[in-house]
Amino acid sequence: MIKVLMVCLGNICRSPLAEGILSSKLPKDKFFVDSAGTSSFHSGNNPDPRVIEISEKYNLDISNQKSRVFNLYDFELFDLIFVMDKVNYFDVIKLAKNKNHQKKVKLIMDYPGSNLIEVPDPYYGGNKGFENIFTLINNACNYHSKQLINSL
């Protein structure tokens, strides 16, 4: 089984949405997708109601997810770690104990055809920000899911 982790700051907006989107595109018997945050601000909380609403609009249910903090064991548990932005990318890389850990960490928007490197944090951007990140993450997950399925 291939295990993929999605990471953002608080694990209540971008990464839970990315977890839900990527999970919906991959066979459940071959892939496990989870999410985490680099901070403990929202540890144990459900996703932001606005991201739950946008996910429901696209027939995804992420309402039962719980925020958790990224930890060193995640490097051992996961095969691939997608990070939403550069700040969180460097926060994760700083925790890596070796080159093998570092190689697992990628920016989710770093794929051919993407015009952006980061998924912006929608937390203070109103409802339009959530629609925007859904589109960005969905496009990234379309690409990454094909790559992951082709790697089997």
N, C-alpha and C. Protein backbone atom coordinates (compact mmCIF):
# COMPACT_ATOMS: atom_id res chain seq x y z
N MET A 1 0.85 -1.18 0.00
CA MET A 1 0.00 0.00 0.00
C MET A 1 0.89 1.24 0.00
N ILE A 2 0.55 2.20 -0.86
CA ILE A 2 1.27 3.47 -0.93
C ILE A 2 0.56 4.46 -0.02
N LYS A 3 1.34 5.13 0.83
CA LYS A 3 0.77 6.07 1.81
C LYS A 3 1.23 7.48 1.48
N VAL A 4 0.24 8.39 1.41
CA VAL A 4 0.48 9.78 1.03
C VAL A 4 -0.04 10.69 2.13
N LEU A 5 0.77 11.68 2.50
CA LEU A 5 0.37 12.64 3.54
C LEU A 5 0.30 14.04 2.93
N MET A 6 -0.76 14.76 3.24
CA MET A 6 -0.95 16.15 2.83
C MET A 6 -0.69 17.03 4.05
N VAL A 7 0.08 18.13 3.85
CA VAL A 7 0.48 18.96 4.99
C VAL A 7 0.25 20.45 4.69
N CYS A 8 -0.35 21.15 5.65
CA CYS A 8 -0.43 22.61 5.63
C CYS A 8 -0.13 23.11 7.04
N LEU A 9 -0.52 24.31 7.36
CA LEU A 9 -0.18 24.89 8.67
C LEU A 9 -1.03 24.30 9.80
N GLY A 10 -2.33 24.51 9.75
CA GLY A 10 -3.19 24.11 10.86
C GLY A 10 -3.96 22.82 10.66
N ASN A 11 -3.92 22.27 9.44
CA ASN A 11 -4.62 21.04 9.10
C ASN A 11 -6.14 21.17 9.28
N ILE A 12 -6.67 22.36 8.91
CA ILE A 12 -8.13 22.53 8.94
C ILE A 12 -8.69 23.05 7.62
N CYS A 13 -7.83 23.43 6.67
CA CYS A 13 -8.31 23.95 5.39
C CYS A 13 -7.73 23.18 4.20
N ARG A 14 -6.51 23.53 3.84
CA ARG A 14 -5.92 23.00 2.62
C ARG A 14 -5.61 21.51 2.67
N SER A 15 -4.92 21.07 3.71
CA SER A 15 -4.53 19.66 3.73
C SER A 15 -5.70 18.69 3.92
N PRO A 16 -6.72 18.99 4.74
CA PRO A 16 -7.86 18.06 4.79
C PRO A 16 -8.60 18.01 3.46
N LEU A 17 -8.69 19.17 2.79
CA LEU A 17 -9.33 19.18 1.47
C LEU A 17 -8.51 18.34 0.49
N ALA A 18 -7.19 18.50 0.52
CA ALA A 18 -6.31 17.72 -0.36
C ALA A 18 -6.42 16.23 -0.05
N GLU A 19 -6.50 15.89 1.22
CA GLU A 19 -6.69 14.49 1.61
C GLU A 19 -7.96 13.93 0.99
N GLY A 20 -9.06 14.66 1.13
CA GLY A 20 -10.34 14.21 0.59
C GLY A 20 -10.33 14.10 -0.93
N ILE A 21 -9.75 15.09 -1.59
CA ILE A 21 -9.73 15.07 -3.06
C ILE A 21 -8.86 13.93 -3.57
N LEU A 22 -7.64 13.82 -3.06
CA LEU A 22 -6.76 12.76 -3.56
C LEU A 22 -7.33 11.38 -3.24
N SER A 23 -7.87 11.20 -2.05
CA SER A 23 -8.47 9.91 -1.68
C SER A 23 -9.56 9.50 -2.66
N SER A 24 -10.34 10.50 -3.12
CA SER A 24 -11.45 10.20 -4.03
C SER A 24 -10.98 9.75 -5.41
N LYS A 25 -9.72 10.01 -5.75
CA LYS A 25 -9.19 9.71 -7.07
C LYS A 25 -8.34 8.44 -7.11
N LEU A 26 -8.12 7.82 -5.95
CA LEU A 26 -7.23 6.66 -5.87
C LEU A 26 -7.98 5.43 -5.36
N PRO A 27 -7.58 4.24 -5.83
CA PRO A 27 -8.18 3.01 -5.30
C PRO A 27 -7.84 2.82 -3.82
N LYS A 28 -8.86 2.64 -2.99
CA LYS A 28 -8.68 2.56 -1.54
C LYS A 28 -7.88 1.33 -1.11
N ASP A 29 -7.87 0.30 -1.92
CA ASP A 29 -7.15 -0.91 -1.55
C ASP A 29 -5.65 -0.82 -1.83
N LYS A 30 -5.25 0.22 -2.55
CA LYS A 30 -3.83 0.37 -2.90
C LYS A 30 -3.18 1.62 -2.31
N PHE A 31 -4.03 2.56 -1.84
CA PHE A 31 -3.52 3.84 -1.34
C PHE A 31 -4.18 4.23 -0.03
N PHE A 32 -3.39 4.85 0.83
CA PHE A 32 -3.89 5.46 2.06
C PHE A 32 -3.46 6.92 2.04
N VAL A 33 -4.41 7.84 2.25
CA VAL A 33 -4.13 9.27 2.25
C VAL A 33 -4.55 9.85 3.60
N ASP A 34 -3.69 10.68 4.17
CA ASP A 34 -3.96 11.31 5.45
C ASP A 34 -3.51 12.77 5.35
N SER A 35 -3.71 13.53 6.41
CA SER A 35 -3.26 14.93 6.42
C SER A 35 -2.80 15.31 7.82
N ALA A 36 -1.98 16.37 7.86
CA ALA A 36 -1.43 16.87 9.13
C ALA A 36 -1.07 18.33 8.97
N GLY A 37 -0.82 18.98 10.08
CA GLY A 37 -0.40 20.38 10.08
C GLY A 37 0.95 20.53 10.77
N THR A 38 1.65 21.59 10.43
CA THR A 38 2.95 21.84 11.06
C THR A 38 2.80 22.55 12.41
N SER A 39 1.60 23.03 12.70
CA SER A 39 1.37 23.68 14.00
C SER A 39 0.27 22.93 14.75
N SER A 40 0.19 23.18 16.03
CA SER A 40 -0.82 22.52 16.86
C SER A 40 -2.01 23.44 17.17
N PHE A 41 -2.13 24.55 16.44
CA PHE A 41 -3.19 25.53 16.71
C PHE A 41 -4.58 24.88 16.79
N HIS A 42 -4.85 23.94 15.91
CA HIS A 42 -6.20 23.39 15.79
C HIS A 42 -6.25 21.90 16.08
N SER A 43 -5.26 21.38 16.76
CA SER A 43 -5.15 19.94 17.01
C SER A 43 -6.45 19.36 17.57
N GLY A 44 -6.93 18.30 16.93
CA GLY A 44 -8.16 17.64 17.36
C GLY A 44 -9.43 18.22 16.78
N ASN A 45 -9.31 19.37 16.08
CA ASN A 45 -10.50 20.03 15.51
C ASN A 45 -10.88 19.43 14.16
N ASN A 46 -12.17 19.56 13.84
CA ASN A 46 -12.65 19.21 12.50
C ASN A 46 -12.19 20.28 11.52
N PRO A 47 -12.27 19.99 10.22
CA PRO A 47 -11.95 21.02 9.23
C PRO A 47 -12.83 22.26 9.39
N ASP A 48 -12.32 23.38 8.90
CA ASP A 48 -13.07 24.64 8.89
C ASP A 48 -14.42 24.41 8.20
N PRO A 49 -15.51 24.95 8.75
CA PRO A 49 -16.83 24.76 8.13
C PRO A 49 -16.89 25.19 6.65
N ARG A 50 -16.11 26.19 6.29
CA ARG A 50 -16.12 26.66 4.89
C ARG A 50 -15.49 25.63 3.95
N VAL A 51 -14.48 24.89 4.42
CA VAL A 51 -13.86 23.88 3.57
C VAL A 51 -14.75 22.62 3.54
N ILE A 52 -15.46 22.36 4.61
CA ILE A 52 -16.44 21.26 4.59
C ILE A 52 -17.53 21.58 3.57
N GLU A 53 -17.99 22.82 3.57
CA GLU A 53 -19.03 23.25 2.64
C GLU A 53 -18.58 23.12 1.19
N ILE A 54 -17.37 23.56 0.90
CA ILE A 54 -16.89 23.48 -0.50
C ILE A 54 -16.68 22.03 -0.90
N SER A 55 -16.23 21.20 0.02
CA SER A 55 -16.04 19.78 -0.32
C SER A 55 -17.39 19.12 -0.59
N GLU A 56 -18.39 19.44 0.21
CA GLU A 56 -19.74 18.89 -0.01
C GLU A 56 -20.31 19.32 -1.36
N LYS A 57 -20.00 20.54 -1.75
CA LYS A 57 -20.45 21.04 -3.06
C LYS A 57 -19.96 20.12 -4.18
N TYR A 58 -18.79 19.51 -3.99
CA TYR A 58 -18.21 18.61 -4.99
C TYR A 58 -18.30 17.14 -4.57
N ASN A 59 -19.31 16.84 -3.74
CA ASN A 59 -19.63 15.48 -3.33
C ASN A 59 -18.51 14.77 -2.58
N LEU A 60 -17.78 15.49 -1.77
CA LEU A 60 -16.76 14.91 -0.90
C LEU A 60 -17.16 15.18 0.55
N ASP A 61 -17.00 14.19 1.40
CA ASP A 61 -17.29 14.38 2.82
C ASP A 61 -15.99 14.30 3.61
N ILE A 62 -15.54 15.44 4.12
CA ILE A 62 -14.32 15.49 4.94
C ILE A 62 -14.65 15.89 6.37
N SER A 63 -15.94 15.90 6.70
CA SER A 63 -16.40 16.44 7.99
C SER A 63 -15.91 15.66 9.20
N ASN A 64 -15.54 14.41 9.05
CA ASN A 64 -15.10 13.60 10.19
C ASN A 64 -13.60 13.62 10.41
N GLN A 65 -12.87 14.32 9.55
CA GLN A 65 -11.41 14.40 9.74
C GLN A 65 -11.10 15.21 11.00
N LYS A 66 -9.97 14.91 11.61
CA LYS A 66 -9.51 15.63 12.79
C LYS A 66 -8.09 16.13 12.55
N SER A 67 -7.86 17.38 12.90
CA SER A 67 -6.53 17.98 12.74
C SER A 67 -5.53 17.29 13.66
N ARG A 68 -4.34 17.09 13.12
CA ARG A 68 -3.25 16.55 13.92
C ARG A 68 -1.94 17.21 13.49
N VAL A 69 -0.94 17.09 14.33
CA VAL A 69 0.35 17.71 14.08
C VAL A 69 1.27 16.73 13.36
N PHE A 70 1.98 17.23 12.35
CA PHE A 70 3.01 16.44 11.67
C PHE A 70 4.06 16.04 12.70
N ASN A 71 4.53 14.79 12.62
CA ASN A 71 5.57 14.35 13.55
C ASN A 71 6.64 13.55 12.82
N LEU A 72 7.74 13.29 13.50
CA LEU A 72 8.87 12.59 12.89
C LEU A 72 8.51 11.21 12.37
N TYR A 73 7.61 10.53 13.03
CA TYR A 73 7.20 9.19 12.59
C TYR A 73 6.54 9.22 11.21
N ASP A 74 5.97 10.36 10.83
CA ASP A 74 5.34 10.48 9.51
C ASP A 74 6.35 10.22 8.39
N PHE A 75 7.61 10.56 8.60
CA PHE A 75 8.63 10.28 7.60
C PHE A 75 8.78 8.78 7.38
N GLU A 76 8.61 8.00 8.42
CA GLU A 76 8.73 6.54 8.31
C GLU A 76 7.45 5.92 7.75
N LEU A 77 6.32 6.45 8.15
CA LEU A 77 5.03 5.88 7.79
C LEU A 77 4.62 6.16 6.34
N PHE A 78 4.94 7.38 5.85
CA PHE A 78 4.44 7.79 4.53
C PHE A 78 5.52 7.69 3.46
N ASP A 79 5.06 7.35 2.25
CA ASP A 79 5.95 7.23 1.09
C ASP A 79 6.15 8.57 0.41
N LEU A 80 5.13 9.43 0.51
CA LEU A 80 5.13 10.72 -0.17
C LEU A 80 4.43 11.74 0.71
N ILE A 81 5.03 12.93 0.82
CA ILE A 81 4.47 13.99 1.65
C ILE A 81 4.31 15.23 0.79
N PHE A 82 3.06 15.59 0.51
CA PHE A 82 2.76 16.79 -0.27
C PHE A 82 2.49 17.95 0.67
N VAL A 83 3.20 19.06 0.45
CA VAL A 83 3.05 20.24 1.29
C VAL A 83 2.42 21.36 0.46
N MET A 84 1.59 22.18 1.10
CA MET A 84 0.81 23.18 0.38
C MET A 84 1.57 24.46 0.03
N ASP A 85 2.61 24.81 0.80
CA ASP A 85 3.33 26.06 0.53
C ASP A 85 4.78 25.95 0.97
N LYS A 86 5.58 26.95 0.61
CA LYS A 86 7.02 26.91 0.88
C LYS A 86 7.35 26.97 2.37
N VAL A 87 6.65 27.79 3.13
CA VAL A 87 6.94 27.90 4.56
C VAL A 87 6.78 26.54 5.24
N ASN A 88 5.66 25.88 4.98
CA ASN A 88 5.43 24.57 5.58
C ASN A 88 6.37 23.51 4.99
N TYR A 89 6.73 23.65 3.73
CA TYR A 89 7.71 22.76 3.11
C TYR A 89 9.02 22.81 3.90
N PHE A 90 9.52 24.02 4.14
CA PHE A 90 10.78 24.15 4.87
C PHE A 90 10.66 23.71 6.33
N ASP A 91 9.48 23.91 6.94
CA ASP A 91 9.26 23.43 8.30
C ASP A 91 9.33 21.90 8.36
N VAL A 92 8.79 21.24 7.36
CA VAL A 92 8.84 19.77 7.31
C VAL A 92 10.27 19.31 7.01
N ILE A 93 10.91 19.94 6.03
CA ILE A 93 12.27 19.56 5.65
C ILE A 93 13.23 19.69 6.85
N LYS A 94 13.03 20.73 7.67
CA LYS A 94 13.89 20.93 8.86
C LYS A 94 13.82 19.75 9.83
N LEU A 95 12.71 19.05 9.84
CA LEU A 95 12.53 17.92 10.74
C LEU A 95 13.13 16.61 10.20
N ALA A 96 13.40 16.60 8.89
CA ALA A 96 13.92 15.38 8.26
C ALA A 96 15.26 14.97 8.86
N LYS A 97 15.40 13.69 9.12
CA LYS A 97 16.63 13.17 9.73
C LYS A 97 17.67 12.76 8.69
N ASN A 98 17.24 12.59 7.42
CA ASN A 98 18.17 12.14 6.39
C ASN A 98 17.65 12.50 5.00
N LYS A 99 18.45 12.21 4.00
CA LYS A 99 18.10 12.53 2.60
C LYS A 99 16.88 11.75 2.14
N ASN A 100 16.74 10.51 2.61
CA ASN A 100 15.57 9.71 2.23
C ASN A 100 14.28 10.39 2.69
N HIS A 101 14.29 10.92 3.91
CA HIS A 101 13.13 11.67 4.40
C HIS A 101 12.88 12.90 3.53
N GLN A 102 13.93 13.64 3.23
CA GLN A 102 13.80 14.86 2.43
C GLN A 102 13.23 14.59 1.05
N LYS A 103 13.62 13.47 0.44
CA LYS A 103 13.15 13.13 -0.91
C LYS A 103 11.65 12.88 -0.97
N LYS A 104 11.05 12.55 0.15
CA LYS A 104 9.62 12.27 0.20
C LYS A 104 8.77 13.54 0.14
N VAL A 105 9.37 14.68 0.46
CA VAL A 105 8.62 15.93 0.62
C VAL A 105 8.59 16.71 -0.69
N LYS A 106 7.38 17.04 -1.15
CA LYS A 106 7.17 17.77 -2.41
C LYS A 106 6.12 18.86 -2.20
N LEU A 107 6.26 19.93 -2.96
CA LEU A 107 5.18 20.92 -3.02
C LEU A 107 4.08 20.37 -3.93
N ILE A 108 2.86 20.37 -3.48
CA ILE A 108 1.77 19.77 -4.25
C ILE A 108 1.57 20.45 -5.61
N MET A 109 1.86 21.75 -5.68
CA MET A 109 1.65 22.49 -6.93
C MET A 109 2.83 22.38 -7.89
N ASP A 110 3.86 21.65 -7.52
CA ASP A 110 5.03 21.49 -8.37
C ASP A 110 4.81 20.32 -9.32
N TYR A 111 4.12 20.60 -10.43
CA TYR A 111 3.86 19.59 -11.45
C TYR A 111 3.78 20.28 -12.81
N PRO A 112 4.03 19.55 -13.90
CA PRO A 112 4.00 20.17 -15.23
C PRO A 112 2.66 20.84 -15.53
N GLY A 113 2.72 22.05 -16.01
CA GLY A 113 1.51 22.80 -16.37
C GLY A 113 0.98 23.70 -15.28
N SER A 114 1.51 23.58 -14.07
CA SER A 114 1.05 24.43 -12.98
C SER A 114 1.71 25.80 -13.09
N ASN A 115 0.91 26.84 -12.92
CA ASN A 115 1.43 28.21 -12.94
C ASN A 115 1.80 28.71 -11.55
N LEU A 116 1.49 27.93 -10.54
CA LEU A 116 1.75 28.33 -9.15
C LEU A 116 2.65 27.32 -8.47
N ILE A 117 3.31 27.76 -7.44
CA ILE A 117 4.13 26.86 -6.63
C ILE A 117 3.43 26.53 -5.31
N GLU A 118 2.54 27.44 -4.87
CA GLU A 118 1.90 27.28 -3.57
C GLU A 118 0.38 27.34 -3.67
N VAL A 119 -0.27 26.66 -2.74
CA VAL A 119 -1.71 26.79 -2.56
C VAL A 119 -1.88 27.87 -1.49
N PRO A 120 -2.50 29.00 -1.82
CA PRO A 120 -2.65 30.08 -0.83
C PRO A 120 -3.54 29.65 0.34
N ASP A 121 -3.25 30.19 1.51
CA ASP A 121 -4.05 29.89 2.69
C ASP A 121 -5.36 30.67 2.59
N PRO A 122 -6.51 29.99 2.54
CA PRO A 122 -7.80 30.67 2.36
C PRO A 122 -8.43 31.15 3.66
N TYR A 123 -7.81 30.87 4.79
CA TYR A 123 -8.45 31.06 6.09
C TYR A 123 -9.04 32.47 6.26
N TYR A 124 -8.31 33.50 5.86
CA TYR A 124 -8.80 34.87 6.03
C TYR A 124 -9.30 35.48 4.73
N GLY A 125 -9.43 34.67 3.69
CA GLY A 125 -9.77 35.19 2.37
C GLY A 125 -11.23 35.13 1.98
N GLY A 126 -12.11 34.78 2.88
CA GLY A 126 -13.52 34.69 2.54
C GLY A 126 -13.83 33.43 1.74
N ASN A 127 -15.10 33.29 1.34
CA ASN A 127 -15.54 32.07 0.67
C ASN A 127 -14.93 31.86 -0.70
N LYS A 128 -14.62 32.92 -1.42
CA LYS A 128 -13.99 32.77 -2.74
C LYS A 128 -12.64 32.07 -2.64
N GLY A 129 -11.94 32.28 -1.55
CA GLY A 129 -10.65 31.63 -1.35
C GLY A 129 -10.79 30.11 -1.29
N PHE A 130 -11.88 29.62 -0.76
CA PHE A 130 -12.08 28.18 -0.65
C PHE A 130 -12.42 27.56 -2.00
N GLU A 131 -13.18 28.27 -2.78
CA GLU A 131 -13.46 27.79 -4.15
C GLU A 131 -12.16 27.75 -4.95
N ASN A 132 -11.32 28.77 -4.79
CA ASN A 132 -10.04 28.84 -5.48
C ASN A 132 -9.13 27.68 -5.09
N ILE A 133 -9.01 27.40 -3.79
CA ILE A 133 -8.11 26.31 -3.40
C ILE A 133 -8.66 24.95 -3.82
N PHE A 134 -10.00 24.82 -3.88
CA PHE A 134 -10.54 23.55 -4.37
C PHE A 134 -10.07 23.31 -5.79
N THR A 135 -10.17 24.32 -6.63
CA THR A 135 -9.76 24.18 -8.03
C THR A 135 -8.27 23.87 -8.14
N LEU A 136 -7.45 24.60 -7.40
CA LEU A 136 -6.00 24.38 -7.44
C LEU A 136 -5.64 22.97 -6.98
N ILE A 137 -6.18 22.57 -5.85
CA ILE A 137 -5.85 21.26 -5.30
C ILE A 137 -6.41 20.14 -6.18
N ASN A 138 -7.60 20.32 -6.69
CA ASN A 138 -8.20 19.31 -7.57
C ASN A 138 -7.34 19.10 -8.82
N ASN A 139 -6.89 20.20 -9.42
CA ASN A 139 -6.02 20.08 -10.60
C ASN A 139 -4.72 19.36 -10.25
N ALA A 140 -4.12 19.71 -9.12
CA ALA A 140 -2.88 19.04 -8.69
C ALA A 140 -3.13 17.56 -8.44
N CYS A 141 -4.23 17.25 -7.79
CA CYS A 141 -4.55 15.84 -7.48
C CYS A 141 -4.88 15.05 -8.74
N ASN A 142 -5.45 15.69 -9.74
CA ASN A 142 -5.66 15.00 -11.02
C ASN A 142 -4.33 14.51 -11.57
N TYR A 143 -3.34 15.39 -11.57
CA TYR A 143 -2.01 15.03 -12.06
C TYR A 143 -1.37 13.96 -11.17
N HIS A 144 -1.30 14.22 -9.88
CA HIS A 144 -0.59 13.32 -8.96
C HIS A 144 -1.26 11.95 -8.87
N SER A 145 -2.58 11.90 -8.93
CA SER A 145 -3.25 10.60 -8.86
C SER A 145 -2.89 9.74 -10.07
N LYS A 146 -2.80 10.34 -11.24
CA LYS A 146 -2.40 9.57 -12.43
C LYS A 146 -0.99 9.05 -12.29
N GLN A 147 -0.09 9.90 -11.78
CA GLN A 147 1.30 9.48 -11.56
C GLN A 147 1.37 8.34 -10.55
N LEU A 148 0.62 8.45 -9.48
CA LEU A 148 0.64 7.42 -8.45
C LEU A 148 0.07 6.09 -8.97
N ILE A 149 -1.03 6.16 -9.69
CA ILE A 149 -1.62 4.93 -10.24
C ILE A 149 -0.67 4.30 -11.26
N ASN A 150 -0.02 5.12 -12.06
CA ASN A 150 0.94 4.60 -13.05
C ASN A 150 2.18 4.00 -12.40
N SER A 151 2.46 4.36 -11.16
CA SER A 151 3.63 3.83 -10.46
C SER A 151 3.41 2.42 -9.91
N LEU A 152 2.17 1.96 -9.93
CA LEU A 152 1.87 0.61 -9.39
C LEU A 152 2.45 -0.47 -10.28
